[in-house]
Amino acid sequence: MVCKVSVREVRIMEEIKAPIPGKILAIKCKVNDFVKSGQVLLILEAMKMENEICSDSSGVVKEIKVKEGDFVQSGFTLIVIGEGKNKN
């Protein structure tokens, strides 16, 4: 008996979510940028304080779901990071 197993590519994505409600002041990356773990991705203003939102892992920015000036609620997905390698 022969068993055929199909193998498909699995893409791991990380969603960077707003930890608190606030306003997007600045976006520090672009789609297709390679980012490192701990790198600042954007600045979120909440209660008159500027909060750096950083990447939890290294990878490539696949999608940016906000723009500067947007107001977001806690838990809203800001940026999606996927697998990828630094091109440098």
Protein backbone atom coordinates (compact mmCIF):
# COMPACT_ATOMS: atom_id res chain seq x y z
CA MET A 1 0.00 0.00 0.00
CA VAL A 2 1.32 3.40 -1.01
CA CYS A 3 0.25 6.47 0.87
CA LYS A 4 0.52 9.84 -0.89
CA VAL A 5 0.95 12.88 1.25
CA SER A 6 0.60 16.32 -0.21
CA VAL A 7 2.97 18.91 1.11
CA ARG A 8 1.96 22.52 1.00
CA GLU A 9 3.84 25.63 1.95
CA VAL A 10 2.97 26.99 5.36
CA ARG A 11 3.34 30.72 5.79
CA ILE A 12 3.77 32.00 9.30
CA MET A 13 2.36 35.46 9.84
CA GLU A 14 2.57 37.65 12.90
CA GLU A 15 0.00 40.35 13.52
CA ILE A 16 1.21 43.39 15.44
CA LYS A 17 -1.80 44.65 17.40
CA ALA A 18 -2.47 47.91 19.23
CA PRO A 19 -1.88 47.31 22.95
CA ILE A 20 -4.00 50.35 23.86
CA PRO A 21 -6.36 52.72 22.02
CA GLY A 22 -4.68 55.74 20.47
CA LYS A 23 -3.62 57.72 17.41
CA ILE A 24 -0.97 56.62 14.89
CA LEU A 25 1.67 59.39 14.87
CA ALA A 26 4.32 57.83 12.63
CA ILE A 27 4.94 54.67 10.64
CA LYS A 28 8.61 53.65 10.61
CA CYS A 29 8.47 50.86 8.00
CA LYS A 30 7.11 50.08 4.53
CA VAL A 31 5.59 47.01 2.89
CA ASN A 32 8.37 44.57 1.83
CA ASP A 33 10.84 45.99 4.39
CA PHE A 34 12.82 43.42 6.37
CA VAL A 35 12.44 44.12 10.09
CA LYS A 36 14.32 42.69 13.04
CA SER A 37 12.92 41.59 16.36
CA GLY A 38 12.66 44.64 18.62
CA GLN A 39 12.69 47.14 15.74
CA VAL A 40 10.30 50.10 16.10
CA LEU A 41 7.50 49.79 13.54
CA LEU A 42 5.31 52.73 14.47
CA ILE A 43 4.56 55.36 17.10
CA LEU A 44 1.17 55.24 18.84
CA GLU A 45 0.05 58.23 20.92
CA ALA A 46 -2.12 57.41 23.90
CA MET A 47 -2.95 59.69 26.82
CA LYS A 48 -0.48 62.31 25.52
CA MET A 49 2.39 59.80 25.57
CA GLU A 50 4.24 58.46 22.53
CA ASN A 51 4.53 54.66 22.61
CA GLU A 52 6.94 52.74 20.38
CA ILE A 53 5.31 49.65 18.89
CA CYS A 54 8.02 47.10 18.08
CA SER A 55 8.25 43.86 16.15
CA ASP A 56 8.23 40.67 18.22
CA SER A 57 10.09 38.74 15.51
CA SER A 58 12.19 39.19 12.40
CA GLY A 59 10.58 39.00 8.98
CA VAL A 60 9.15 40.97 6.06
CA VAL A 61 6.37 43.54 6.40
CA LYS A 62 3.50 42.05 4.39
CA GLU A 63 0.77 44.57 5.14
CA ILE A 64 0.29 47.89 6.93
CA LYS A 65 -3.34 48.29 7.96
CA VAL A 66 -3.15 51.88 9.26
CA LYS A 67 -1.96 55.29 8.13
CA GLU A 68 -0.65 58.27 10.05
CA GLY A 69 -3.47 60.08 11.84
CA ASP A 70 -5.70 57.00 12.22
CA PHE A 71 -7.31 56.32 15.59
CA VAL A 72 -7.24 52.66 16.63
CA GLN A 73 -8.80 50.59 19.38
CA SER A 74 -6.96 48.13 21.60
CA GLY A 75 -6.44 44.82 19.77
CA PHE A 76 -6.69 46.31 16.26
CA THR A 77 -4.20 44.75 13.82
CA LEU A 78 -1.68 47.41 12.78
CA ILE A 79 0.96 45.53 10.78
CA VAL A 80 1.34 41.98 9.45
CA ILE A 81 4.83 40.45 9.35
CA GLY A 82 5.58 37.24 7.46
CA GLU A 83 8.55 35.01 6.85
CA GLY A 84 11.33 36.44 4.78
CA LYS A 85 15.03 37.07 4.64
CA ASN A 86 17.09 40.21 4.66
CA LYS A 87 18.11 40.98 1.07
CA ASN A 88 21.33 42.71 2.16
